[in-house]
Protein backbone atom coordinates (compact mmCIF):
# COMPACT_ATOMS: atom_id res chain seq x y z
CA MET A 1 76.17 111.84 129.52
CA ALA A 2 77.11 109.02 131.81
CA SER A 3 78.31 105.78 130.33
CA LEU A 4 75.99 102.73 130.56
CA TYR A 5 79.25 100.81 131.50
CA GLU A 6 80.65 101.11 134.99
CA SER A 7 84.37 101.13 135.29
CA THR A 8 85.79 97.67 135.68
CA PRO A 9 89.55 96.82 136.32
CA GLU A 10 91.22 96.34 133.13
CA THR A 11 92.68 92.94 134.16
CA SER A 12 89.02 91.44 133.91
CA VAL A 13 89.81 91.11 130.43
CA LYS A 14 92.50 90.70 128.12
CA MET A 15 93.23 94.44 126.84
CA ASP A 16 96.43 93.87 124.72
CA VAL A 17 96.00 93.83 120.86
CA ARG A 18 98.34 92.82 118.18
CA LEU A 19 99.08 94.94 115.06
CA GLY A 20 101.34 92.74 112.82
CA ARG A 21 104.67 92.62 114.60
CA LEU A 22 103.50 95.28 117.07
CA THR A 23 101.67 94.47 120.47
CA LEU A 24 99.93 97.34 122.39
CA PRO A 25 98.90 96.99 125.90
CA ASN A 26 95.33 98.21 125.16
CA PRO A 27 93.54 99.59 121.81
CA ILE A 28 93.32 103.18 122.90
CA LEU A 29 95.82 105.36 121.50
CA VAL A 30 95.86 109.26 120.88
CA ALA A 31 96.29 110.68 117.43
CA SER A 32 98.98 112.81 115.89
CA GLY A 33 98.47 116.35 115.72
CA THR A 34 96.21 116.47 118.77
CA PHE A 35 98.39 115.59 121.69
CA GLY A 36 101.42 117.73 120.88
CA TYR A 37 104.52 116.16 121.94
CA ALA A 38 102.95 114.92 125.23
CA ARG A 39 104.59 117.41 127.45
CA GLU A 40 101.39 119.49 127.05
CA MET A 41 99.45 116.77 128.49
CA GLU A 42 101.53 115.51 131.47
CA GLY A 43 99.70 117.25 134.01
CA LEU A 44 96.42 115.60 132.98
CA ILE A 45 97.25 112.10 131.86
CA ASP A 46 98.93 108.88 133.16
CA PHE A 47 100.84 108.16 130.07
CA THR A 48 101.59 104.73 131.25
CA ARG A 49 97.85 103.57 130.84
CA LEU A 50 97.69 104.48 127.35
CA GLY A 51 97.74 102.00 124.22
CA GLY A 52 100.12 104.45 122.52
CA ILE A 53 101.00 107.97 121.69
CA LEU A 54 101.57 109.50 118.13
CA PRO A 55 103.04 112.85 118.51
CA LYS A 56 102.65 115.64 115.85
CA THR A 57 103.73 114.95 112.34
CA VAL A 58 107.48 115.76 111.54
CA THR A 59 109.04 116.38 108.10
CA ALA A 60 112.44 116.17 106.86
CA SER A 61 113.10 119.77 107.09
CA PRO A 62 111.43 122.44 109.33
CA ARG A 63 108.25 123.82 107.92
CA ALA A 64 106.49 127.25 108.98
CA GLY A 65 103.06 125.71 108.11
CA ASN A 66 100.14 127.50 106.88
CA PRO A 67 98.98 131.33 107.22
CA PRO A 68 96.58 131.89 109.74
CA PRO A 69 93.72 131.41 110.60
CA ARG A 70 94.54 127.76 110.86
CA THR A 71 91.53 126.23 112.52
CA PHE A 72 87.75 126.84 112.51
CA GLU A 73 84.96 125.24 114.47
CA THR A 74 82.04 123.76 112.59
CA SER A 75 79.02 122.00 113.52
CA SER A 76 80.30 119.04 115.46
CA GLY A 77 83.50 119.20 113.91
CA LEU A 78 86.78 121.13 113.56
CA LEU A 79 88.51 122.26 110.27
CA ASN A 80 92.24 122.66 110.47
CA ALA A 81 94.79 123.64 108.02
CA ILE A 82 97.89 123.83 110.23
CA GLY A 83 100.19 122.74 107.48
CA LEU A 84 102.41 120.41 109.26
CA ASP A 85 104.16 123.21 111.27
CA ASN A 86 107.52 121.63 112.86
CA ASP A 87 110.89 121.96 113.50
CA GLY A 88 112.03 118.92 111.28
CA LEU A 89 113.10 115.33 111.91
CA ASP A 90 116.45 116.00 113.24
CA TYR A 91 115.12 118.34 115.84
CA PHE A 92 112.39 115.96 116.86
CA LEU A 93 114.78 113.03 117.24
CA ASP A 94 117.29 115.33 119.31
CA HIS A 95 114.97 117.24 121.50
CA HIS A 96 111.45 115.51 121.68
CA TRP A 97 112.43 111.77 121.43
CA PRO A 98 114.39 111.58 124.49
CA TYR A 99 111.40 112.81 126.58
CA LEU A 100 108.90 110.77 124.54
CA SER A 101 110.91 107.38 125.00
CA GLY A 102 110.71 107.55 128.69
CA LEU A 103 106.87 107.89 129.00
CA GLY A 104 106.39 104.27 129.65
CA CYS A 105 103.90 103.31 126.94
CA PRO A 106 104.34 102.80 123.15
CA VAL A 107 105.27 105.87 121.03
CA PHE A 108 104.83 105.97 117.31
CA VAL A 109 106.95 108.48 115.13
CA ASN A 110 104.73 110.11 112.64
CA ILE A 111 106.48 111.36 109.37
CA ALA A 112 105.46 113.03 106.25
CA GLY A 113 107.66 113.10 103.06
CA LYS A 114 107.58 115.51 100.23
CA THR A 115 108.68 112.76 97.64
CA ASP A 116 108.69 108.86 97.37
CA ARG A 117 112.47 109.12 98.03
CA GLU A 118 112.03 111.29 101.08
CA PHE A 119 109.86 108.81 103.07
CA PRO A 120 112.30 105.90 103.24
CA GLU A 121 115.10 108.20 103.97
CA MET A 122 113.29 109.73 106.89
CA VAL A 123 112.15 106.08 108.04
CA ARG A 124 115.70 105.02 107.94
CA LYS A 125 116.91 107.85 110.24
CA ALA A 126 113.91 107.38 112.88
CA ALA A 127 114.33 103.64 112.83
CA SER A 128 117.93 103.76 114.05
CA HIS A 129 116.64 105.26 117.37
CA PRO A 130 115.99 102.55 119.96
CA GLY A 131 112.50 102.42 121.63
CA ILE A 132 110.34 103.43 118.65
CA ALA A 133 107.00 101.49 118.72
CA ALA A 134 106.17 102.02 115.12
CA ILE A 135 106.44 104.54 112.37
CA GLU A 136 103.28 106.12 111.01
CA LEU A 137 103.50 107.32 107.33
CA ASN A 138 101.42 110.38 107.08
CA MET A 139 100.51 109.92 103.28
CA SER A 140 97.26 111.78 103.48
CA CYS A 141 97.61 115.25 104.98
CA PRO A 142 95.16 117.40 102.87
CA ASN A 143 96.57 120.80 104.03
CA VAL A 144 99.78 120.74 102.17
CA SER A 145 100.83 120.71 98.57
CA GLY A 146 101.32 117.08 97.51
CA GLY A 147 100.22 115.93 100.97
CA ILE A 148 97.99 113.27 99.63
CA ASP A 149 99.60 112.28 96.42
CA PHE A 150 100.77 109.07 98.07
CA ALA A 151 97.58 107.86 99.32
CA THR A 152 95.17 108.64 96.33
CA ASP A 153 97.06 106.21 93.85
CA PRO A 154 97.49 102.56 94.76
CA VAL A 155 100.66 102.25 92.64
CA SER A 156 102.26 105.14 94.44
CA CYS A 157 101.05 103.95 97.75
CA ARG A 158 102.48 100.45 97.25
CA ARG A 159 105.87 101.89 96.06
CA VAL A 160 106.33 104.24 99.19
CA VAL A 161 105.25 101.63 101.60
CA ALA A 162 107.49 98.94 100.19
CA ALA A 163 110.25 101.39 100.29
CA CYS A 164 109.73 102.47 103.71
CA ARG A 165 109.14 98.67 105.03
CA ALA A 166 112.84 97.98 103.27
CA GLU A 167 114.33 100.59 105.52
CA ALA A 168 112.46 99.96 108.93
CA GLY A 169 114.10 96.79 109.86
CA ASN A 170 111.90 95.37 112.84
CA VAL A 171 110.27 98.57 113.47
CA PRO A 172 106.56 98.16 112.34
CA VAL A 173 105.14 100.61 109.70
CA VAL A 174 101.61 101.97 109.66
CA ALA A 175 100.15 103.86 106.63
CA LYS A 176 97.79 106.64 107.44
CA LEU A 177 95.56 106.80 104.67
CA SER A 178 93.19 109.61 103.08
CA PRO A 179 89.21 109.32 102.83
CA ASN A 180 89.38 111.68 99.82
CA VAL A 181 89.70 108.99 97.33
CA THR A 182 87.17 106.99 95.01
CA SER A 183 88.05 103.78 96.64
CA ILE A 184 89.59 103.35 100.13
CA VAL A 185 89.71 99.64 99.57
CA ASP A 186 92.09 99.85 96.64
CA ILE A 187 94.56 102.11 98.51
CA ALA A 188 94.53 100.08 101.66
CA SER A 189 95.14 96.97 99.58
CA ALA A 190 97.98 98.59 97.98
CA ALA A 191 99.49 99.38 101.49
CA ALA A 192 99.12 95.82 102.37
CA GLU A 193 100.75 94.64 99.33
CA GLY A 194 103.72 96.99 100.12
CA GLY A 195 104.18 95.45 103.58
CA ALA A 196 102.51 97.81 105.99
CA ASP A 197 101.96 96.13 109.30
CA ALA A 198 98.71 97.96 109.77
CA VAL A 199 96.60 100.90 108.01
CA CYS A 200 95.28 103.76 109.72
CA LEU A 201 91.77 104.68 108.68
CA VAL A 202 91.26 107.83 108.18
CA ASN A 203 92.92 111.17 108.04
CA THR A 204 90.64 114.25 107.68
CA PHE A 205 88.11 114.99 105.07
CA LEU A 206 88.83 117.87 102.69
CA GLY A 207 86.49 120.98 103.61
CA ILE A 208 86.03 124.63 103.53
CA ALA A 209 84.32 127.29 105.52
CA ILE A 210 83.41 130.67 103.91
CA ASP A 211 82.73 133.95 105.26
CA TRP A 212 79.80 135.05 102.99
CA ARG A 213 79.91 138.66 104.21
CA ARG A 214 83.54 139.18 103.42
CA LYS A 215 83.17 136.87 100.44
CA LYS A 216 86.19 134.73 101.09
CA PRO A 217 87.31 131.54 102.88
CA ILE A 218 87.79 131.70 106.47
CA LEU A 219 91.01 129.72 106.67
CA GLY A 220 94.20 131.19 105.45
CA ASN A 221 94.79 127.98 103.29
CA ALA A 222 91.22 128.27 102.13
CA THR A 223 90.60 124.53 102.44
CA GLY A 224 91.39 122.43 105.66
CA GLY A 225 90.82 119.01 107.08
CA LEU A 226 87.30 118.21 108.90
CA SER A 227 87.78 116.13 112.00
CA GLY A 228 85.60 115.59 115.09
CA PRO A 229 82.20 113.89 115.72
CA ALA A 230 80.72 115.03 112.22
CA ILE A 231 83.15 112.55 110.33
CA LYS A 232 82.50 109.33 112.28
CA PRO A 233 79.87 107.78 110.19
CA LEU A 234 82.02 108.31 107.10
CA ALA A 235 85.32 106.99 108.75
CA LEU A 236 83.61 104.16 110.29
CA ARG A 237 82.31 103.12 106.61
CA CYS A 238 85.86 103.14 105.60
CA VAL A 239 86.92 100.82 108.29
CA TRP A 240 84.13 98.41 107.78
CA GLN A 241 84.64 98.26 104.07
CA VAL A 242 88.45 97.76 104.18
CA ALA A 243 88.10 95.14 107.09
CA ARG A 244 86.08 92.94 104.72
CA ALA A 245 88.67 93.28 101.95
CA VAL A 246 91.99 93.26 103.47
CA SER A 247 93.76 91.28 106.00
CA ILE A 248 96.14 93.38 107.80
CA PRO A 249 95.10 95.25 111.02
CA ILE A 250 93.30 98.48 111.00
CA ILE A 251 93.47 101.52 113.37
CA GLY A 252 90.30 103.33 113.24
CA ILE A 253 90.28 107.06 113.64
CA GLY A 254 87.51 109.80 112.96
CA GLY A 255 85.05 111.44 115.46
CA ILE A 256 85.81 109.05 118.46
CA SER A 257 85.02 110.57 121.87
CA THR A 258 82.95 107.89 123.76
CA LEU A 259 82.99 104.26 124.66
CA ASP A 260 80.18 103.47 122.29
CA ASP A 261 82.31 105.11 119.34
CA VAL A 262 85.32 102.99 120.31
CA MET A 263 83.02 99.78 120.31
CA GLU A 264 81.47 100.78 116.93
CA TYR A 265 84.93 100.93 115.31
CA LEU A 266 86.11 97.49 117.10
CA VAL A 267 83.06 95.50 116.00
CA ALA A 268 83.39 97.14 112.46
CA GLY A 269 86.84 95.67 112.18
CA ALA A 270 89.34 98.16 113.75
CA SER A 271 91.99 96.25 115.99
CA ALA A 272 92.82 99.76 117.65
CA VAL A 273 91.61 103.25 117.54
CA GLN A 274 93.18 106.75 117.93
CA LEU A 275 91.17 109.47 119.61
CA GLY A 276 91.99 112.77 117.93
CA THR A 277 89.76 116.12 118.34
CA VAL A 278 88.30 115.00 121.63
CA ASN A 279 91.66 115.78 123.28
CA PHE A 280 91.07 119.43 122.63
CA PHE A 281 87.86 119.52 124.43
CA ASP A 282 87.99 116.50 126.86
CA PRO A 283 91.78 115.38 127.22
CA THR A 284 90.99 113.05 129.84
CA ALA A 285 88.21 111.10 127.80
CA VAL A 286 91.18 108.54 126.88
CA LEU A 287 91.41 107.23 130.47
CA ARG A 288 87.78 107.16 131.00
CA ILE A 289 87.26 104.86 127.95
CA ILE A 290 90.07 102.88 128.98
CA ASP A 291 88.39 102.25 132.27
CA GLU A 292 85.03 101.49 130.73
CA LEU A 293 86.11 99.29 127.82
CA PRO A 294 86.42 95.99 129.96
CA ALA A 295 82.70 96.01 130.77
CA ALA A 296 81.72 96.67 127.47
CA VAL A 297 83.77 93.75 125.95
CA ARG A 298 82.25 91.51 128.75
CA SER A 299 78.82 92.67 127.69
CA LEU A 300 79.27 90.97 124.28
CA GLY A 301 80.23 87.75 126.22
CA LYS A 302 83.92 88.15 125.30
CA ASN A 303 87.03 87.88 127.46
CA SER A 304 89.39 89.94 125.39
CA VAL A 305 89.48 93.09 123.08
CA SER A 306 90.57 90.97 120.26
CA GLU A 307 87.59 88.70 120.34
CA VAL A 308 85.30 91.68 119.60
CA VAL A 309 87.31 92.90 116.54
CA GLY A 310 85.38 92.48 113.38
CA LEU A 311 82.06 90.98 114.77
CA ALA A 312 80.19 93.20 112.33
CA LYS A 313 82.24 92.69 109.19
CA GLY A 314 80.50 89.51 108.15
CA TRP A 315 76.93 91.15 108.29
CA GLN A 316 75.11 91.11 104.87
CA SER A 317 72.36 93.31 103.89
CA ALA A 318 69.28 92.20 102.24
CA LYS A 319 70.43 93.22 98.92
CA SER A 320 73.62 91.20 99.26
């Protein structure tokens, strides 16, 4: 469907956004696990126009990932149980980072540790490489054993983030949190207390698909993480709740594929967003949204993206 907002030169509004010590040229990023290591998209995307790139999650040691099938399409969504398949941090820094560091836009490094000690060790190694815009802590992968342990308990979350912050030097640290918790506000508050520059809300929702004829789960891992348009109202709620309770910036993620989705996240309280599953079926959506964003900001009578952030978070219901 065509957008209601005509493309507008990006210079007509102030597009840059600030996330703690990190400044991005615009608020539109691409999410880890959906953009490969960027090489896969170089024929389609002008990387210099992006607000940032988050490559696939890396772990301390190589991982083979989960048994297939690893993905399954659902109504308005995608279940995945990749299992953090990667060649390890050393390989990433030696073979992928030289390419990524020359793309002309901010590039985060997304890491996942098995233990609370492994996280800061990985941060120390990654932060020593010049040019890294930020380190995103994947504390919330639902597809590996222990993958969400650090994002379901406030004490553990605070401890891991604080340890990573101590090793990161001047490199910003972003905590990517799980929605599979009783209170996302408590976890986000703990990440803020630990020194996170921002929180990313949210990772995928735990789900399952079952082949009733064969009487077994479809995914090789049985359960997987649900992403895509189906989760947007749930993820948007998380952003709205956390924005009303926590002072550090929020990066919103979950079901974003249109300009309207982006604007909903921004006015709910996100300072930036990540596009994820849409990259699989409409990889140029990110550029289209960047083109359309200035006109949408103008339509609210604002001259910068930062002015629209959180416009809805002060709303009170009749029950309040």
